[in-house]
Amino acid sequence: MLIIGLMSGTSLDGIDAVLVEFSGATVADVEWRVVAFVATPYSPEERARIHGAILDGSAESLCRLHGELGERFAAAALRVCEVAGVDAARVDLIGSHGQTVWHIPPSPGMRGYTLQLGDPATIAERTGIPVVSDFRARDVAAGGEGAPLVPWQDRVLFSAPGKARVLQNIGGMGNLTWVPPKGEAVPLLAFDTGPGNALIDAAVELATGGRETFDRNGARAARGRVDEELVRQVMAHAFFRMAPPKSTGREVFGRPFVEELLRGRWPVDEAGWDDVVASLTAVTARSIVDAVREWVLDRGVDEVVISGGGARNPVLVRMVRDGLAPVPVVTGETLGIDPDAKEALAFAGLAWAFVHGIPGSVPEATGAAGPRILGSLTPGAGGRVPTPMTAST
């Protein structure tokens, strides 16, 4: 099967599209190969519109955003086909995560809620390809956090013989999966570690009036000085004291959080902003290090693999490496993929699981009542549905 995975994360930096070839019909015999990967950045105007719609939350703005993102996802899917030299008619399926606009984890006495936008009907209409979308909703309905959703594919695609791995993604938020050695029937452990790039990005935007949206190559963090008091203030947040399973999002660790954090001590010059960025980079690193040391290390860890946009920040990677020494810390190329492609690959994998009737949720990671088949299907052109589903019916 040829499947496209689409992902737009909490960093709001753009859409990742990966075309993957899968063979096999069971978890035991599945094999995969990345055919092409394309990252399509949002323009500053698009990013501002998405961010504004999330903050505004009006029915009209969210309605428009749903359709507009559907168009953008469809264009990204067609673009990755073009780059691969593959006719879209040959693609069996698209797995689209969509754009999370709000995520409310469950709490005692209350179920969770989650909302991802990016109209799958528009994607199917523009591409002609069947679409599996809305992956988080079923896990949330079953009492789970709805996040993280990458652990299933982390185990299926990235477990290694004789080696226990921590797969740490650093997107807008950070999440990890502890994967036991290949073939060992040991439960996974996975949870959100806290903010990934979101606080860093917010500080850079505030420092530059929106002219810059992230700390390219960690340059600002490298120039800045870590304010330990600021780090302690953030790390005192209740989220970091919670036991897994747990999840979080921009609703908690977003730009308003940074604005409130800096109330009464707003930087007055470039050096001051560099100190803020360095400090928030240290927050992300420390949250990862603390999570691994408190919840994971005693299970055995042979290496920590960092993927996502954070893998491109050498200062952040160095801080994590220093904090976890002597455990080896490497980046996603170790897995044989572009570090930025990993989450889009996850949703291609979950779409593959959907059409084969395989539960893609990991209840020990999300706290759901049990494993569930994740996603909803929107047929493609002429009512086309994926071949395994057609064969099974």
Protein backbone atom coordinates (compact mmCIF):
# COMPACT_ATOMS: atom_id res chain seq x y z
CA MET A 1 0.00 0.00 0.00
CA LEU A 2 1.05 3.58 -0.69
CA ILE A 3 -0.10 5.83 2.15
CA ILE A 4 0.43 9.55 2.77
CA GLY A 5 0.76 10.75 6.35
CA LEU A 6 -0.09 14.40 7.08
CA MET A 7 0.77 16.28 10.24
CA SER A 8 0.53 19.88 11.45
CA GLY A 9 1.81 20.17 14.98
CA THR A 10 1.43 22.53 17.90
CA SER A 11 4.41 24.56 16.68
CA LEU A 12 2.18 25.83 13.84
CA ASP A 13 5.21 25.91 11.57
CA GLY A 14 3.71 24.06 8.62
CA ILE A 15 2.50 20.75 7.24
CA ASP A 16 4.64 17.62 7.07
CA ALA A 17 3.67 15.16 4.33
CA VAL A 18 5.31 11.76 3.95
CA LEU A 19 4.60 9.11 1.32
CA VAL A 20 5.21 5.62 2.68
CA GLU A 21 5.10 2.21 1.05
CA PHE A 22 3.80 -0.52 3.35
CA SER A 23 3.85 -4.25 2.71
CA GLY A 24 2.40 -7.03 4.83
CA ALA A 25 -1.02 -7.38 6.41
CA THR A 26 -0.20 -7.98 10.08
CA VAL A 27 1.92 -6.30 12.73
CA ALA A 28 4.26 -9.29 12.65
CA ASP A 29 5.08 -8.99 8.95
CA VAL A 30 4.64 -5.28 8.18
CA GLU A 31 7.54 -3.58 6.41
CA TRP A 32 7.78 0.06 5.38
CA ARG A 33 9.82 2.44 3.24
CA VAL A 34 9.68 6.22 3.06
CA VAL A 35 9.26 7.18 -0.59
CA ALA A 36 9.26 10.97 -0.15
CA PHE A 37 8.95 13.62 2.54
CA VAL A 38 8.01 17.28 2.10
CA ALA A 39 7.66 19.99 4.75
CA THR A 40 5.51 22.90 3.60
CA PRO A 41 5.86 25.94 5.89
CA TYR A 42 2.97 28.23 6.66
CA SER A 43 3.40 31.82 5.55
CA PRO A 44 3.48 34.37 8.39
CA GLU A 45 -0.08 35.38 7.42
CA GLU A 46 -1.32 31.78 7.53
CA ARG A 47 0.35 31.13 10.85
CA ALA A 48 -1.14 34.30 12.33
CA ARG A 49 -4.58 33.32 11.02
CA ILE A 50 -4.37 29.85 12.57
CA HIS A 51 -3.09 31.23 15.86
CA GLY A 52 -5.74 33.93 15.86
CA ALA A 53 -8.53 31.44 15.21
CA ILE A 54 -7.32 29.27 18.08
CA LEU A 55 -7.18 32.24 20.46
CA ASP A 56 -10.46 33.75 19.19
CA GLY A 57 -12.38 30.50 19.16
CA SER A 58 -15.47 31.95 17.44
CA ALA A 59 -17.63 29.52 15.51
CA GLU A 60 -17.03 31.47 12.31
CA SER A 61 -13.23 31.56 12.59
CA LEU A 62 -13.00 27.87 13.43
CA CYS A 63 -15.39 26.97 10.62
CA ARG A 64 -13.29 28.87 8.09
CA LEU A 65 -10.08 27.41 9.49
CA HIS A 66 -11.45 23.87 9.14
CA GLY A 67 -12.02 24.33 5.42
CA GLU A 68 -8.84 26.33 4.77
CA LEU A 69 -6.68 23.72 6.46
CA GLY A 70 -8.39 21.01 4.44
CA GLU A 71 -7.26 22.82 1.30
CA ARG A 72 -3.70 23.17 2.63
CA PHE A 73 -3.51 19.50 3.63
CA ALA A 74 -4.77 18.45 0.21
CA ALA A 75 -2.15 20.62 -1.49
CA ALA A 76 0.58 19.09 0.71
CA ALA A 77 -0.58 15.58 -0.20
CA LEU A 78 -0.47 16.36 -3.92
CA ARG A 79 2.92 18.02 -3.49
CA VAL A 80 4.52 14.94 -1.92
CA CYS A 81 3.13 12.85 -4.78
CA GLU A 82 4.71 15.29 -7.25
CA VAL A 83 8.08 15.16 -5.50
CA ALA A 84 7.94 11.34 -5.47
CA GLY A 85 6.91 11.17 -9.11
CA VAL A 86 3.84 9.13 -8.12
CA ASP A 87 0.39 9.70 -9.63
CA ALA A 88 -2.09 10.49 -6.83
CA ALA A 89 -4.42 7.85 -8.32
CA ARG A 90 -1.88 5.22 -7.26
CA VAL A 91 -2.00 6.28 -3.60
CA ASP A 92 -4.26 4.01 -1.55
CA LEU A 93 -4.89 6.19 1.47
CA ILE A 94 -4.16 9.39 3.38
CA GLY A 95 -3.81 9.47 7.16
CA SER A 96 -4.37 13.07 8.30
CA HIS A 97 -3.88 14.07 11.91
CA GLY A 98 -5.19 17.59 11.29
CA GLN A 99 -4.36 20.64 13.38
CA THR A 100 -5.10 20.46 17.09
CA VAL A 101 -6.89 23.65 18.12
CA TRP A 102 -7.86 22.59 21.63
CA HIS A 103 -7.08 19.65 23.88
CA ILE A 104 -8.54 19.06 27.35
CA PRO A 105 -7.12 15.99 29.14
CA PRO A 106 -9.45 13.98 31.38
CA SER A 107 -9.53 14.81 35.07
CA PRO A 108 -11.21 13.14 38.05
CA GLY A 109 -14.93 13.01 37.34
CA MET A 110 -14.62 14.48 33.83
CA ARG A 111 -13.81 12.90 30.47
CA GLY A 112 -11.38 14.58 28.12
CA TYR A 113 -12.13 16.54 24.95
CA THR A 114 -10.04 17.15 21.85
CA LEU A 115 -10.54 18.98 18.55
CA GLN A 116 -8.48 18.71 15.37
CA LEU A 117 -9.35 20.71 12.26
CA GLY A 118 -8.52 20.15 8.58
CA ASP A 119 -11.62 19.00 6.72
CA PRO A 120 -11.09 15.39 5.48
CA ALA A 121 -13.90 15.77 2.92
CA THR A 122 -11.95 18.60 1.29
CA ILE A 123 -8.77 16.49 1.25
CA ALA A 124 -10.63 13.57 -0.37
CA GLU A 125 -12.37 15.84 -2.86
CA ARG A 126 -9.19 17.60 -4.00
CA THR A 127 -6.99 14.49 -4.16
CA GLY A 128 -9.48 11.72 -4.97
CA ILE A 129 -7.78 9.63 -2.24
CA PRO A 130 -9.64 8.06 0.72
CA VAL A 131 -8.79 9.78 4.01
CA VAL A 132 -8.58 8.44 7.56
CA SER A 133 -8.72 11.28 10.08
CA ASP A 134 -9.82 12.22 13.62
CA PHE A 135 -7.50 9.69 15.25
CA ARG A 136 -7.61 11.07 18.80
CA ALA A 137 -11.37 11.14 19.33
CA ARG A 138 -11.95 7.41 19.86
CA ASP A 139 -9.26 7.10 22.52
CA VAL A 140 -10.70 10.14 24.34
CA ALA A 141 -14.21 8.66 24.12
CA ALA A 142 -12.82 5.51 25.72
CA GLY A 143 -11.60 7.52 28.70
CA GLY A 144 -8.06 8.14 27.46
CA GLU A 145 -5.90 11.21 27.10
CA GLY A 146 -5.97 10.95 23.30
CA ALA A 147 -2.22 11.55 23.43
CA PRO A 148 0.41 10.60 22.74
CA LEU A 149 -0.70 8.59 19.70
CA VAL A 150 2.74 7.68 18.31
CA PRO A 151 3.59 4.79 20.71
CA TRP A 152 1.92 2.08 18.62
CA GLN A 153 3.99 2.86 15.56
CA ASP A 154 7.07 3.54 17.71
CA ARG A 155 6.99 -0.09 18.77
CA VAL A 156 5.95 -1.58 15.42
CA LEU A 157 8.38 0.43 13.28
CA PHE A 158 11.27 1.39 15.55
CA SER A 159 11.91 -1.32 18.13
CA ALA A 160 15.43 -2.76 17.82
CA PRO A 161 16.84 -6.19 18.73
CA GLY A 162 18.55 -6.17 22.11
CA LYS A 163 18.12 -2.43 22.59
CA ALA A 164 15.66 -0.47 24.77
CA ARG A 165 14.98 2.99 23.37
CA VAL A 166 13.40 6.22 24.51
CA LEU A 167 11.92 7.91 21.44
CA GLN A 168 11.60 11.57 22.40
CA ASN A 169 9.69 13.82 20.02
CA ILE A 170 10.16 17.56 20.45
CA GLY A 171 7.50 19.41 18.48
CA GLY A 172 5.38 22.17 19.95
CA MET A 173 4.98 19.81 22.90
CA GLY A 174 7.34 17.04 23.95
CA ASN A 175 6.35 13.39 24.23
CA LEU A 176 8.30 10.20 24.79
CA THR A 177 7.83 6.49 24.24
CA TRP A 178 9.90 3.88 26.03
CA VAL A 179 10.20 0.96 23.60
CA PRO A 180 11.52 -2.39 24.91
CA PRO A 181 13.83 -4.52 22.77
CA LYS A 182 12.20 -6.02 19.68
CA GLY A 183 10.25 -9.16 20.43
CA GLU A 184 9.93 -8.58 24.19
CA ALA A 185 6.30 -8.69 25.36
CA VAL A 186 6.70 -5.83 27.82
CA PRO A 187 4.17 -2.96 28.11
CA LEU A 188 5.17 0.38 26.62
CA LEU A 189 5.43 3.58 28.61
CA ALA A 190 4.54 6.82 26.85
CA PHE A 191 3.40 10.29 27.90
CA ASP A 192 3.80 14.00 27.21
CA THR A 193 6.87 15.44 28.89
CA GLY A 194 5.67 19.07 28.70
CA PRO A 195 6.46 21.99 26.41
CA GLY A 196 8.74 21.24 23.50
CA ASN A 197 9.36 24.21 21.24
CA ALA A 198 6.16 26.12 22.04
CA LEU A 199 7.51 28.33 24.84
CA ILE A 200 10.78 28.96 22.98
CA ASP A 201 8.90 29.89 19.80
CA ALA A 202 6.56 32.20 21.70
CA ALA A 203 9.48 34.06 23.26
CA VAL A 204 11.16 34.52 19.87
CA GLU A 205 7.92 35.84 18.37
CA LEU A 206 7.48 38.29 21.24
CA ALA A 207 11.11 39.38 20.99
CA THR A 208 10.90 40.11 17.25
CA GLY A 209 7.31 41.31 16.93
CA GLY A 210 6.51 38.19 14.91
CA ARG A 211 9.34 38.62 12.38
CA GLU A 212 10.91 35.38 13.61
CA THR A 213 8.96 32.34 14.78
CA PHE A 214 11.64 30.02 16.19
CA ASP A 215 15.21 30.02 17.49
CA ARG A 216 17.06 29.00 14.34
CA ASN A 217 19.93 26.65 15.19
CA GLY A 218 19.55 27.62 18.83
CA ALA A 219 21.43 30.87 18.17
CA ARG A 220 19.56 32.95 20.75
CA ALA A 221 19.83 30.25 23.41
CA ALA A 222 23.57 29.98 22.70
CA ARG A 223 24.01 33.73 23.28
CA GLY A 224 21.79 33.89 26.33
CA ARG A 225 22.26 33.13 30.00
CA VAL A 226 19.96 30.69 31.79
CA ASP A 227 17.94 32.36 34.55
CA GLU A 228 17.58 29.55 37.09
CA GLU A 229 14.81 31.39 38.95
CA LEU A 230 12.75 31.57 35.76
CA VAL A 231 13.37 27.88 35.12
CA ARG A 232 12.32 26.98 38.66
CA GLN A 233 9.15 29.04 38.29
CA VAL A 234 8.09 27.13 35.17
CA MET A 235 9.11 23.75 36.55
CA ALA A 236 6.90 24.36 39.60
CA HIS A 237 3.86 23.91 37.32
CA ALA A 238 1.60 21.08 38.49
CA PHE A 239 1.90 19.23 35.16
CA PHE A 240 5.48 18.21 35.89
CA ARG A 241 4.46 16.56 39.17
CA MET A 242 1.72 14.45 37.55
CA ALA A 243 2.30 10.74 37.03
CA PRO A 244 1.71 9.22 33.59
CA PRO A 245 -0.51 8.86 31.68
CA LYS A 246 -0.65 12.57 31.01
CA SER A 247 -0.90 14.99 28.09
CA THR A 248 -0.79 18.72 27.56
CA GLY A 249 -0.88 21.32 24.81
CA ARG A 250 -0.71 24.93 23.72
CA GLU A 251 -3.76 25.63 25.88
CA VAL A 252 -1.43 25.30 28.89
CA PHE A 253 2.04 26.01 27.52
CA GLY A 254 1.48 28.64 24.84
CA ARG A 255 2.15 32.32 24.24
CA PRO A 256 -0.19 33.51 27.04
CA PHE A 257 1.84 31.39 29.46
CA VAL A 258 5.05 33.19 28.40
CA GLU A 259 3.39 36.61 28.61
CA GLU A 260 2.20 35.87 32.15
CA LEU A 261 5.59 34.45 33.09
CA LEU A 262 7.29 37.70 32.06
CA ARG A 263 4.78 39.99 33.71
CA GLY A 264 6.78 42.59 35.67
CA ARG A 265 10.11 41.58 34.14
CA TRP A 266 9.66 42.18 30.41
CA PRO A 267 13.09 42.21 28.69
CA VAL A 268 14.21 45.66 27.58
CA ASP A 269 16.86 44.66 25.04
CA GLU A 270 18.07 41.86 22.77
CA ALA A 271 20.34 40.39 25.45
CA GLY A 272 17.41 40.15 27.84
CA TRP A 273 15.32 38.26 25.29
CA ASP A 274 18.23 35.92 24.58
CA ASP A 275 18.32 35.12 28.31
CA VAL A 276 14.59 34.32 28.22
CA VAL A 277 15.04 32.01 25.21
CA ALA A 278 18.01 30.28 26.85
CA SER A 279 15.96 29.80 30.02
CA LEU A 280 12.94 28.37 28.20
CA THR A 281 15.25 26.07 26.22
CA ALA A 282 16.57 24.87 29.58
CA VAL A 283 12.97 24.29 30.73
CA THR A 284 12.28 21.98 27.79
CA ALA A 285 15.55 20.11 28.32
CA ARG A 286 15.01 19.78 32.06
CA SER A 287 11.44 18.55 31.65
CA ILE A 288 12.70 15.79 29.33
CA VAL A 289 15.62 14.87 31.56
CA ASP A 290 13.45 14.79 34.69
CA ALA A 291 10.79 12.67 32.95
CA VAL A 292 13.32 10.10 31.76
CA ARG A 293 15.09 9.92 35.10
CA GLU A 294 11.93 9.72 37.20
CA TRP A 295 9.74 7.41 35.14
CA VAL A 296 11.85 5.59 32.57
CA LEU A 297 15.47 5.04 33.49
CA ASP A 298 14.86 2.13 35.86
CA ARG A 299 13.27 0.17 32.99
CA GLY A 300 16.59 0.20 31.17
CA VAL A 301 17.55 2.69 28.46
CA ASP A 302 20.24 1.98 25.88
CA GLU A 303 19.71 5.20 23.92
CA VAL A 304 17.48 8.25 23.67
CA VAL A 305 16.48 9.24 20.13
CA ILE A 306 15.32 12.85 19.58
CA SER A 307 13.04 13.69 16.65
CA GLY A 308 10.86 16.63 15.64
CA GLY A 309 11.88 20.24 15.20
CA GLY A 310 13.78 20.21 18.49
CA ALA A 311 16.32 17.85 16.95
CA ARG A 312 17.43 20.83 14.80
CA ASN A 313 18.32 22.89 17.89
CA PRO A 314 21.88 21.95 18.91
CA VAL A 315 21.68 23.85 22.20
CA LEU A 316 18.55 21.98 23.25
CA VAL A 317 20.01 18.62 22.19
CA ARG A 318 23.23 19.38 24.09
CA MET A 319 21.30 20.27 27.25
CA VAL A 320 19.37 16.98 27.06
CA ARG A 321 22.58 15.05 26.36
CA ASP A 322 24.37 16.65 29.31
CA GLY A 323 21.41 15.99 31.61
CA LEU A 324 21.12 12.31 30.69
CA ALA A 325 24.82 11.42 30.50
CA PRO A 326 26.11 8.73 30.29
CA VAL A 327 23.01 7.50 28.39
CA PRO A 328 23.64 8.04 24.65
CA VAL A 329 21.43 10.75 23.10
CA VAL A 330 21.16 10.73 19.30
CA THR A 331 18.85 12.29 16.71
CA GLY A 332 16.24 10.71 14.46
CA GLU A 333 18.55 9.92 11.57
CA THR A 334 19.46 6.86 13.66
CA LEU A 335 16.01 5.52 12.79
CA GLY A 336 16.69 5.90 9.08
CA ILE A 337 14.32 8.85 8.61
CA ASP A 338 14.34 12.62 8.57
CA PRO A 339 13.69 13.60 12.23
CA ASP A 340 10.94 15.98 11.06
CA ALA A 341 9.08 13.15 9.28
CA LYS A 342 8.50 10.88 12.28
CA GLU A 343 5.07 12.12 13.38
CA ALA A 344 3.67 12.28 9.84
CA LEU A 345 4.94 8.71 9.44
CA ALA A 346 3.03 7.78 12.60
CA PHE A 347 -0.29 8.82 11.06
CA ALA A 348 0.46 6.96 7.86
CA GLY A 349 1.04 3.93 10.09
CA LEU A 350 -2.19 4.49 12.02
CA ALA A 351 -4.08 4.74 8.72
CA TRP A 352 -2.53 1.41 7.68
CA ALA A 353 -3.67 -0.07 11.01
CA PHE A 354 -7.20 1.32 10.53
CA VAL A 355 -7.79 -0.38 7.18
CA HIS A 356 -6.40 -3.67 8.50
CA GLY A 357 -8.69 -3.59 11.54
CA ILE A 358 -5.77 -3.30 13.96
CA PRO A 359 -6.11 -1.21 17.14
CA GLY A 360 -3.62 1.64 17.01
CA SER A 361 -4.08 2.96 20.53
CA VAL A 362 -1.93 1.98 23.50
CA PRO A 363 -4.12 2.11 26.61
CA GLU A 364 -1.17 1.91 29.00
CA ALA A 365 0.04 5.17 27.42
CA THR A 366 -3.26 7.06 27.26
CA GLY A 367 -5.25 5.53 30.12
CA ALA A 368 -8.14 4.47 27.85
CA ALA A 369 -10.42 1.59 28.81
CA GLY A 370 -8.78 -0.62 26.19
CA PRO A 371 -7.20 -0.72 22.72
CA ARG A 372 -9.27 0.89 19.97
CA ILE A 373 -9.16 1.14 16.18
CA LEU A 374 -8.48 4.84 15.66
CA GLY A 375 -9.86 7.13 12.98
CA SER A 376 -12.84 7.75 10.71
CA LEU A 377 -12.92 7.08 6.96
CA THR A 378 -13.87 9.54 4.23
CA PRO A 379 -14.11 7.75 0.84
CA GLY A 380 -12.17 9.07 -2.14
CA ALA A 381 -13.28 9.73 -5.71
CA GLY A 382 -16.21 7.62 -6.81
CA GLY A 383 -16.64 6.23 -3.30
CA ARG A 384 -13.20 4.61 -3.40
CA VAL A 385 -12.14 2.95 -0.15
CA PRO A 386 -8.83 1.21 0.60
CA THR A 387 -8.38 -2.30 -0.84
CA PRO A 388 -7.98 -4.24 2.45
CA MET A 389 -11.35 -2.90 3.65
CA THR A 390 -12.97 -3.79 0.33
CA ALA A 391 -11.49 -7.28 0.47
CA SER A 392 -12.60 -7.84 4.07
CA THR A 393 -16.21 -6.96 3.27
